[in-house]
PDB file of N, CA and C in Angstrom:
ATOM      1  N   MET A   1       7.609 -25.768   1.505  1.00  0.00           N
ATOM      2  CA  MET A   1       7.448 -26.702   2.605  1.00  0.00           C
ATOM      3  C   MET A   1       5.956 -26.820   2.906  1.00  0.00           C
ATOM      4  N   THR A   2       5.476 -28.024   2.978  1.00  0.00           N
ATOM      5  CA  THR A   2       4.075 -28.266   3.293  1.00  0.00           C
ATOM      6  C   THR A   2       3.881 -28.310   4.809  1.00  0.00           C
ATOM      7  N   LYS A   3       2.627 -28.340   5.226  1.00  0.00           N
ATOM      8  CA  LYS A   3       2.334 -28.414   6.660  1.00  0.00           C
ATOM      9  C   LYS A   3       2.920 -29.695   7.254  1.00  0.00           C
ATOM     10  N   ALA A   4       2.794 -30.803   6.534  1.00  0.00           N
ATOM     11  CA  ALA A   4       3.335 -32.081   7.018  1.00  0.00           C
ATOM     12  C   ALA A   4       4.855 -32.021   7.159  1.00  0.00           C
ATOM     13  N   GLU A   5       5.513 -31.389   6.207  1.00  0.00           N
ATOM     14  CA  GLU A   5       6.976 -31.251   6.285  1.00  0.00           C
ATOM     15  C   GLU A   5       7.374 -30.336   7.435  1.00  0.00           C
ATOM     16  N   LEU A   6       6.599 -29.277   7.663  1.00  0.00           N
ATOM     17  CA  LEU A   6       6.875 -28.375   8.782  1.00  0.00           C
ATOM     18  C   LEU A   6       6.711 -29.105  10.110  1.00  0.00           C
ATOM     19  N   ILE A   7       5.664 -29.902  10.229  1.00  0.00           N
ATOM     20  CA  ILE A   7       5.444 -30.671  11.455  1.00  0.00           C
ATOM     21  C   ILE A   7       6.603 -31.632  11.689  1.00  0.00           C
ATOM     22  N   ALA A   8       7.052 -32.308  10.641  1.00  0.00           N
ATOM     23  CA  ALA A   8       8.179 -33.241  10.763  1.00  0.00           C
ATOM     24  C   ALA A   8       9.452 -32.505  11.176  1.00  0.00           C
ATOM     25  N   ALA A   9       9.682 -31.318  10.624  1.00  0.00           N
ATOM     26  CA  ALA A   9      10.886 -30.538  10.961  1.00  0.00           C
ATOM     27  C   ALA A   9      10.837 -30.065  12.411  1.00  0.00           C
ATOM     28  N   VAL A  10       9.675 -29.601  12.850  1.00  0.00           N
ATOM     29  CA  VAL A  10       9.525 -29.153  14.245  1.00  0.00           C
ATOM     30  C   VAL A  10       9.740 -30.327  15.191  1.00  0.00           C
ATOM     31  N   ALA A  11       9.163 -31.464  14.862  1.00  0.00           N
ATOM     32  CA  ALA A  11       9.317 -32.654  15.698  1.00  0.00           C
ATOM     33  C   ALA A  11      10.786 -33.067  15.802  1.00  0.00           C
ATOM     34  N   ALA A  12      11.485 -33.065  14.663  1.00  0.00           N
ATOM     35  CA  ALA A  12      12.894 -33.470  14.654  1.00  0.00           C
ATOM     36  C   ALA A  12      13.775 -32.477  15.409  1.00  0.00           C
ATOM     37  N   LYS A  13      13.557 -31.190  15.163  1.00  0.00           N
ATOM     38  CA  LYS A  13      14.424 -30.175  15.777  1.00  0.00           C
ATOM     39  C   LYS A  13      14.150 -30.019  17.265  1.00  0.00           C
ATOM     40  N   GLY A  14      12.896 -30.159  17.667  1.00  0.00           N
ATOM     41  CA  GLY A  14      12.545 -29.960  19.069  1.00  0.00           C
ATOM     42  C   GLY A  14      12.520 -31.219  19.905  1.00  0.00           C
ATOM     43  N   GLY A  15      12.687 -32.374  19.262  1.00  0.00           N
ATOM     44  CA  GLY A  15      12.659 -33.624  20.001  1.00  0.00           C
ATOM     45  C   GLY A  15      11.250 -34.013  20.439  1.00  0.00           C
ATOM     46  N   TYR A  16      10.242 -33.606  19.672  1.00  0.00           N
ATOM     47  CA  TYR A  16       8.848 -33.914  19.982  1.00  0.00           C
ATOM     48  C   TYR A  16       8.364 -35.046  19.083  1.00  0.00           C
ATOM     49  N   THR A  17       7.236 -35.611  19.468  1.00  0.00           N
ATOM     50  CA  THR A  17       6.593 -36.553  18.560  1.00  0.00           C
ATOM     51  C   THR A  17       5.886 -35.736  17.484  1.00  0.00           C
ATOM     52  N   LYS A  18       5.617 -36.360  16.344  1.00  0.00           N
ATOM     53  CA  LYS A  18       4.910 -35.650  15.281  1.00  0.00           C
ATOM     54  C   LYS A  18       3.513 -35.240  15.744  1.00  0.00           C
ATOM     55  N   LYS A  19       2.900 -36.064  16.570  1.00  0.00           N
ATOM     56  CA  LYS A  19       1.566 -35.768  17.081  1.00  0.00           C
ATOM     57  C   LYS A  19       1.594 -34.507  17.947  1.00  0.00           C
ATOM     58  N   ASP A  20       2.588 -34.399  18.831  1.00  0.00           N
ATOM     59  CA  ASP A  20       2.715 -33.209  19.686  1.00  0.00           C
ATOM     60  C   ASP A  20       3.046 -31.969  18.860  1.00  0.00           C
ATOM     61  N   ALA A  21       3.919 -32.130  17.872  1.00  0.00           N
ATOM     62  CA  ALA A  21       4.291 -30.998  17.012  1.00  0.00           C
ATOM     63  C   ALA A  21       3.084 -30.519  16.214  1.00  0.00           C
ATOM     64  N   GLU A  22       2.269 -31.449  15.713  1.00  0.00           N
ATOM     65  CA  GLU A  22       1.072 -31.074  14.959  1.00  0.00           C
ATOM     66  C   GLU A  22       0.070 -30.347  15.852  1.00  0.00           C
ATOM     67  N   LYS A  23      -0.092 -30.827  17.066  1.00  0.00           N
ATOM     68  CA  LYS A  23      -1.013 -30.194  18.021  1.00  0.00           C
ATOM     69  C   LYS A  23      -0.549 -28.776  18.348  1.00  0.00           C
ATOM     70  N   ALA A  24       0.745 -28.601  18.569  1.00  0.00           N
ATOM     71  CA  ALA A  24       1.287 -27.279  18.889  1.00  0.00           C
ATOM     72  C   ALA A  24       1.132 -26.326  17.707  1.00  0.00           C
ATOM     73  N   LEU A  25       1.454 -26.782  16.506  1.00  0.00           N
ATOM     74  CA  LEU A  25       1.344 -25.937  15.320  1.00  0.00           C
ATOM     75  C   LEU A  25      -0.107 -25.540  15.074  1.00  0.00           C
ATOM     76  N   SER A  26      -1.010 -26.498  15.189  1.00  0.00           N
ATOM     77  CA  SER A  26      -2.433 -26.204  14.987  1.00  0.00           C
ATOM     78  C   SER A  26      -2.936 -25.197  16.015  1.00  0.00           C
ATOM     79  N   THR A  27      -2.475 -25.330  17.250  1.00  0.00           N
ATOM     80  CA  THR A  27      -2.883 -24.397  18.303  1.00  0.00           C
ATOM     81  C   THR A  27      -2.377 -22.995  18.015  1.00  0.00           C
ATOM     82  N   VAL A  28      -1.135 -22.878  17.605  1.00  0.00           N
ATOM     83  CA  VAL A  28      -0.566 -21.557  17.281  1.00  0.00           C
ATOM     84  C   VAL A  28      -1.330 -20.914  16.126  1.00  0.00           C
ATOM     85  N   VAL A  29      -1.606 -21.678  15.085  1.00  0.00           N
ATOM     86  CA  VAL A  29      -2.334 -21.145  13.933  1.00  0.00           C
ATOM     87  C   VAL A  29      -3.745 -20.721  14.349  1.00  0.00           C
ATOM     88  N   ASP A  30      -4.408 -21.534  15.172  1.00  0.00           N
ATOM     89  CA  ASP A  30      -5.756 -21.198  15.641  1.00  0.00           C
ATOM     90  C   ASP A  30      -5.763 -19.921  16.468  1.00  0.00           C
ATOM     91  N   VAL A  31      -4.792 -19.759  17.352  1.00  0.00           N
ATOM     92  CA  VAL A  31      -4.727 -18.566  18.200  1.00  0.00           C
ATOM     93  C   VAL A  31      -4.457 -17.323  17.352  1.00  0.00           C
ATOM     94  N   ILE A  32      -3.527 -17.413  16.421  1.00  0.00           N
ATOM     95  CA  ILE A  32      -3.241 -16.272  15.543  1.00  0.00           C
ATOM     96  C   ILE A  32      -4.484 -15.909  14.737  1.00  0.00           C
ATOM     97  N   THR A  33      -5.187 -16.908  14.222  1.00  0.00           N
ATOM     98  CA  THR A  33      -6.414 -16.659  13.458  1.00  0.00           C
ATOM     99  C   THR A  33      -7.457 -15.966  14.322  1.00  0.00           C
ATOM    100  N   ASP A  34      -7.663 -16.451  15.547  1.00  0.00           N
ATOM    101  CA  ASP A  34      -8.646 -15.846  16.458  1.00  0.00           C
ATOM    102  C   ASP A  34      -8.307 -14.389  16.761  1.00  0.00           C
ATOM    103  N   VAL A  35      -7.031 -14.114  16.979  1.00  0.00           N
ATOM    104  CA  VAL A  35      -6.603 -12.743  17.272  1.00  0.00           C
ATOM    105  C   VAL A  35      -6.870 -11.828  16.072  1.00  0.00           C
ATOM    106  N   LEU A  36      -6.552 -12.301  14.863  1.00  0.00           N
ATOM    107  CA  LEU A  36      -6.781 -11.494  13.665  1.00  0.00           C
ATOM    108  C   LEU A  36      -8.271 -11.279  13.416  1.00  0.00           C
ATOM    109  N   VAL A  37      -9.090 -12.293  13.657  1.00  0.00           N
ATOM    110  CA  VAL A  37     -10.536 -12.157  13.492  1.00  0.00           C
ATOM    111  C   VAL A  37     -11.082 -11.075  14.422  1.00  0.00           C
ATOM    112  N   ASN A  38     -10.502 -10.967  15.617  1.00  0.00           N
ATOM    113  CA  ASN A  38     -10.929  -9.954  16.582  1.00  0.00           C
ATOM    114  C   ASN A  38     -10.368  -8.570  16.285  1.00  0.00           C
ATOM    115  N   GLY A  39      -9.564  -8.448  15.249  1.00  0.00           N
ATOM    116  CA  GLY A  39      -9.036  -7.145  14.847  1.00  0.00           C
ATOM    117  C   GLY A  39      -7.753  -6.738  15.535  1.00  0.00           C
ATOM    118  N   ASP A  40      -7.163  -7.634  16.308  1.00  0.00           N
ATOM    119  CA  ASP A  40      -5.901  -7.326  16.987  1.00  0.00           C
ATOM    120  C   ASP A  40      -4.730  -7.820  16.142  1.00  0.00           C
ATOM    121  N   LYS A  41      -3.518  -7.638  16.666  1.00  0.00           N
ATOM    122  CA  LYS A  41      -2.349  -8.118  15.935  1.00  0.00           C
ATOM    123  C   LYS A  41      -1.471  -8.958  16.843  1.00  0.00           C
ATOM    124  N   VAL A  42      -0.653  -9.798  16.236  1.00  0.00           N
ATOM    125  CA  VAL A  42       0.260 -10.673  16.962  1.00  0.00           C
ATOM    126  C   VAL A  42       1.675 -10.266  16.579  1.00  0.00           C
ATOM    127  N   THR A  43       2.477  -9.878  17.568  1.00  0.00           N
ATOM    128  CA  THR A  43       3.859  -9.482  17.325  1.00  0.00           C
ATOM    129  C   THR A  43       4.799 -10.490  17.971  1.00  0.00           C
ATOM    130  N   LEU A  44       5.627 -11.107  17.158  1.00  0.00           N
ATOM    131  CA  LEU A  44       6.658 -12.017  17.635  1.00  0.00           C
ATOM    132  C   LEU A  44       7.990 -11.301  17.404  1.00  0.00           C
ATOM    133  N   VAL A  45       8.550 -10.737  18.466  1.00  0.00           N
ATOM    134  CA  VAL A  45       9.754  -9.916  18.362  1.00  0.00           C
ATOM    135  C   VAL A  45      10.865 -10.691  17.659  1.00  0.00           C
ATOM    136  N   GLY A  46      11.433 -10.073  16.640  1.00  0.00           N
ATOM    137  CA  GLY A  46      12.502 -10.683  15.862  1.00  0.00           C
ATOM    138  C   GLY A  46      11.991 -11.495  14.688  1.00  0.00           C
ATOM    139  N   PHE A  47      10.746 -11.966  14.753  1.00  0.00           N
ATOM    140  CA  PHE A  47      10.187 -12.762  13.654  1.00  0.00           C
ATOM    141  C   PHE A  47       9.296 -11.922  12.768  1.00  0.00           C
ATOM    142  N   GLY A  48       8.293 -11.268  13.357  1.00  0.00           N
ATOM    143  CA  GLY A  48       7.418 -10.430  12.553  1.00  0.00           C
ATOM    144  C   GLY A  48       6.082 -10.178  13.224  1.00  0.00           C
ATOM    145  N   THR A  49       5.199  -9.516  12.473  1.00  0.00           N
ATOM    146  CA  THR A  49       3.890  -9.133  12.983  1.00  0.00           C
ATOM    147  C   THR A  49       2.806  -9.596  12.022  1.00  0.00           C
ATOM    148  N   PHE A  50       1.806 -10.273  12.586  1.00  0.00           N
ATOM    149  CA  PHE A  50       0.608 -10.646  11.846  1.00  0.00           C
ATOM    150  C   PHE A  50      -0.461  -9.623  12.190  1.00  0.00           C
ATOM    151  N   GLU A  51      -1.133  -9.070  11.191  1.00  0.00           N
ATOM    152  CA  GLU A  51      -2.171  -8.073  11.439  1.00  0.00           C
ATOM    153  C   GLU A  51      -3.182  -8.105  10.303  1.00  0.00           C
ATOM    154  N   THR A  52      -4.280  -7.384  10.490  1.00  0.00           N
ATOM    155  CA  THR A  52      -5.247  -7.239   9.409  1.00  0.00           C
ATOM    156  C   THR A  52      -5.141  -5.820   8.879  1.00  0.00           C
ATOM    157  N   ARG A  53      -5.344  -5.695   7.594  1.00  0.00           N
ATOM    158  CA  ARG A  53      -5.332  -4.383   6.951  1.00  0.00           C
ATOM    159  C   ARG A  53      -6.624  -4.212   6.179  1.00  0.00           C
ATOM    160  N   GLN A  54      -7.080  -2.971   6.102  1.00  0.00           N
ATOM    161  CA  GLN A  54      -8.297  -2.664   5.371  1.00  0.00           C
ATOM    162  C   GLN A  54      -7.950  -2.399   3.915  1.00  0.00           C
ATOM    163  N   ARG A  55      -8.600  -3.108   3.028  1.00  0.00           N
ATOM    164  CA  ARG A  55      -8.410  -2.887   1.596  1.00  0.00           C
ATOM    165  C   ARG A  55      -9.610  -2.078   1.102  1.00  0.00           C
ATOM    166  N   ALA A  56      -9.359  -0.967   0.456  1.00  0.00           N
ATOM    167  CA  ALA A  56     -10.422  -0.067   0.005  1.00  0.00           C
ATOM    168  C   ALA A  56     -11.223  -0.685  -1.138  1.00  0.00           C
ATOM    169  N   ALA A  57     -12.453  -0.219  -1.274  1.00  0.00           N
ATOM    170  CA  ALA A  57     -13.285  -0.645  -2.399  1.00  0.00           C
ATOM    171  C   ALA A  57     -12.668  -0.103  -3.690  1.00  0.00           C
ATOM    172  N   LYS A  58     -12.873  -0.841  -4.777  1.00  0.00           N
ATOM    173  CA  LYS A  58     -12.315  -0.398  -6.051  1.00  0.00           C
ATOM    174  C   LYS A  58     -13.162  -0.942  -7.188  1.00  0.00           C
ATOM    175  N   GLU A  59     -12.895  -0.432  -8.365  1.00  0.00           N
ATOM    176  CA  GLU A  59     -13.572  -0.934  -9.557  1.00  0.00           C
ATOM    177  C   GLU A  59     -12.641  -1.888 -10.286  1.00  0.00           C
ATOM    178  N   GLY A  60     -13.206  -2.981 -10.749  1.00  0.00           N
ATOM    179  CA  GLY A  60     -12.439  -3.951 -11.508  1.00  0.00           C
ATOM    180  C   GLY A  60     -13.129  -4.207 -12.828  1.00  0.00           C
ATOM    181  N   LYS A  61     -12.562  -5.120 -13.595  1.00  0.00           N
ATOM    182  CA  LYS A  61     -13.135  -5.418 -14.899  1.00  0.00           C
ATOM    183  C   LYS A  61     -13.210  -6.933 -15.064  1.00  0.00           C
ATOM    184  N   ASN A  62     -14.388  -7.420 -15.466  1.00  0.00           N
ATOM    185  CA  ASN A  62     -14.552  -8.833 -15.765  1.00  0.00           C
ATOM    186  C   ASN A  62     -13.738  -9.125 -17.026  1.00  0.00           C
ATOM    187  N   PRO A  63     -12.747 -10.016 -16.949  1.00  0.00           N
ATOM    188  CA  PRO A  63     -11.889 -10.250 -18.108  1.00  0.00           C
ATOM    189  C   PRO A  63     -12.602 -10.891 -19.297  1.00  0.00           C
ATOM    190  N   GLN A  64     -13.719 -11.559 -19.069  1.00  0.00           N
ATOM    191  CA  GLN A  64     -14.428 -12.202 -20.181  1.00  0.00           C
ATOM    192  C   GLN A  64     -15.350 -11.228 -20.895  1.00  0.00           C
ATOM    193  N   THR A  65     -16.092 -10.425 -20.101  1.00  0.00           N
ATOM    194  CA  THR A  65     -17.085  -9.527 -20.712  1.00  0.00           C
ATOM    195  C   THR A  65     -16.620  -8.078 -20.772  1.00  0.00           C
ATOM    196  N   HIS A  66     -15.534  -7.778 -20.101  1.00  0.00           N
ATOM    197  CA  HIS A  66     -14.994  -6.413 -19.981  1.00  0.00           C
ATOM    198  C   HIS A  66     -15.975  -5.470 -19.283  1.00  0.00           C
ATOM    199  N   GLU A  67     -16.926  -6.059 -18.562  1.00  0.00           N
ATOM    200  CA  GLU A  67     -17.892  -5.274 -17.800  1.00  0.00           C
ATOM    201  C   GLU A  67     -17.218  -4.745 -16.537  1.00  0.00           C
ATOM    202  N   VAL A  68     -17.451  -3.477 -16.206  1.00  0.00           N
ATOM    203  CA  VAL A  68     -16.898  -2.883 -14.997  1.00  0.00           C
ATOM    204  C   VAL A  68     -17.717  -3.374 -13.812  1.00  0.00           C
ATOM    205  N   ILE A  69     -17.005  -3.872 -12.788  1.00  0.00           N
ATOM    206  CA  ILE A  69     -17.681  -4.348 -11.589  1.00  0.00           C
ATOM    207  C   ILE A  69     -17.101  -3.640 -10.378  1.00  0.00           C
ATOM    208  N   LYS A  70     -17.892  -3.564  -9.307  1.00  0.00           N
ATOM    209  CA  LYS A  70     -17.418  -2.954  -8.074  1.00  0.00           C
ATOM    210  C   LYS A  70     -16.918  -4.050  -7.144  1.00  0.00           C
ATOM    211  N   ILE A  71     -15.715  -3.888  -6.663  1.00  0.00           N
ATOM    212  CA  ILE A  71     -15.123  -4.819  -5.716  1.00  0.00           C
ATOM    213  C   ILE A  71     -15.232  -4.164  -4.341  1.00  0.00           C
ATOM    214  N   PRO A  72     -15.949  -4.796  -3.402  1.00  0.00           N
ATOM    215  CA  PRO A  72     -16.181  -4.168  -2.104  1.00  0.00           C
ATOM    216  C   PRO A  72     -14.922  -4.095  -1.240  1.00  0.00           C
ATOM    217  N   ALA A  73     -14.940  -3.188  -0.267  1.00  0.00           N
ATOM    218  CA  ALA A  73     -13.849  -3.083   0.696  1.00  0.00           C
ATOM    219  C   ALA A  73     -13.841  -4.336   1.554  1.00  0.00           C
ATOM    220  N   LYS A  74     -12.663  -4.716   2.034  1.00  0.00           N
ATOM    221  CA  LYS A  74     -12.574  -5.880   2.908  1.00  0.00           C
ATOM    222  C   LYS A  74     -11.306  -5.826   3.735  1.00  0.00           C
ATOM    223  N   LYS A  75     -11.286  -6.653   4.785  1.00  0.00           N
ATOM    224  CA  LYS A  75     -10.098  -6.798   5.609  1.00  0.00           C
ATOM    225  C   LYS A  75      -9.296  -7.980   5.070  1.00  0.00           C
ATOM    226  N   VAL A  76      -7.980  -7.832   5.046  1.00  0.00           N
ATOM    227  CA  VAL A  76      -7.111  -8.907   4.581  1.00  0.00           C
ATOM    228  C   VAL A  76      -6.002  -9.147   5.606  1.00  0.00           C
ATOM    229  N   PRO A  77      -5.591 -10.407   5.795  1.00  0.00           N
ATOM    230  CA  PRO A  77      -4.481 -10.676   6.704  1.00  0.00           C
ATOM    231  C   PRO A  77      -3.163 -10.247   6.061  1.00  0.00           C
ATOM    232  N   ALA A  78      -2.236  -9.795   6.898  1.00  0.00           N
ATOM    233  CA  ALA A  78      -0.937  -9.355   6.391  1.00  0.00           C
ATOM    234  C   ALA A  78       0.152  -9.775   7.371  1.00  0.00           C
ATOM    235  N   PHE A  79       1.351  -9.961   6.859  1.00  0.00           N
ATOM    236  CA  PHE A  79       2.510 -10.298   7.681  1.00  0.00           C
ATOM    237  C   PHE A  79       3.642  -9.365   7.318  1.00  0.00           C
ATOM    238  N   LYS A  80       4.256  -8.767   8.337  1.00  0.00           N
ATOM    239  CA  LYS A  80       5.428  -7.913   8.128  1.00  0.00           C
ATOM    240  C   LYS A  80       6.598  -8.556   8.860  1.00  0.00           C
ATOM    241  N   ALA A  81       7.635  -8.918   8.113  1.00  0.00           N
ATOM    242  CA  ALA A  81       8.794  -9.581   8.692  1.00  0.00           C
ATOM    243  C   ALA A  81       9.565  -8.648   9.616  1.00  0.00           C
ATOM    244  N   GLY A  82      10.075  -9.209  10.710  1.00  0.00           N
ATOM    245  CA  GLY A  82      10.894  -8.457  11.650  1.00  0.00           C
ATOM    246  C   GLY A  82      12.332  -8.366  11.178  1.00  0.00           C
ATOM    247  N   LYS A  83      13.100  -7.510  11.821  1.00  0.00           N
ATOM    248  CA  LYS A  83      14.489  -7.271  11.416  1.00  0.00           C
ATOM    249  C   LYS A  83      15.343  -8.538  11.488  1.00  0.00           C
ATOM    250  N   ALA A  84      15.210  -9.308  12.562  1.00  0.00           N
ATOM    251  CA  ALA A  84      16.026 -10.518  12.713  1.00  0.00           C
ATOM    252  C   ALA A  84      15.732 -11.521  11.596  1.00  0.00           C
ATOM    253  N   LEU A  85      14.454 -11.663  11.221  1.00  0.00           N
ATOM    254  CA  LEU A  85      14.091 -12.580  10.141  1.00  0.00           C
ATOM    255  C   LEU A  85      14.645 -12.071   8.809  1.00  0.00           C
ATOM    256  N   LYS A  86      14.532 -10.789   8.557  1.00  0.00           N
ATOM    257  CA  LYS A  86      15.073 -10.216   7.323  1.00  0.00           C
ATOM    258  C   LYS A  86      16.578 -10.415   7.232  1.00  0.00           C
ATOM    259  N   ASP A  87      17.261 -10.167   8.360  1.00  0.00           N
ATOM    260  CA  ASP A  87      18.718 -10.345   8.384  1.00  0.00           C
ATOM    261  C   ASP A  87      19.111 -11.797   8.138  1.00  0.00           C
ATOM    262  N   ALA A  88      18.381 -12.732   8.738  1.00  0.00           N
ATOM    263  CA  ALA A  88      18.687 -14.154   8.579  1.00  0.00           C
ATOM    264  C   ALA A  88      18.497 -14.593   7.129  1.00  0.00           C
ATOM    265  N   VAL A  89      17.457 -14.090   6.477  1.00  0.00           N
ATOM    266  CA  VAL A  89      17.192 -14.459   5.094  1.00  0.00           C
ATOM    267  C   VAL A  89      18.238 -13.870   4.158  1.00  0.00           C
ATOM    268  N   ASN A  90      18.755 -12.702   4.496  1.00  0.00           N
ATOM    269  CA  ASN A  90      19.699 -12.019   3.610  1.00  0.00           C
ATOM    270  C   ASN A  90      21.154 -12.356   3.878  1.00  0.00           C
ATOM    271  N   LYS A  91      21.435 -13.332   4.732  1.00  0.00           N
ATOM    272  CA  LYS A  91      22.826 -13.734   4.995  1.00  0.00           C
ATOM    273  C   LYS A  91      23.380 -14.498   3.836  1.00  0.00           C
TER     274      LYS A  91
END
């Protein structure tokens, strides 16, 4: 499902205009992004948790030259599904 399809589905299911649905979706995504950038997490009970995780530094290999390179540590966004979402998907 693309962003446009998601906006259309939200508009249809919620009885909103596509413009209002797009504004709401963009706002939610922006707020979640801001929270993750600040190092906090967003928990939506029953749906899941958005958080950042620290990925350790490691050594990798350039596939063309086979030269060993160092890959620096970094923070990555992560999502852990909640029980209700897992149950709904597995029905």
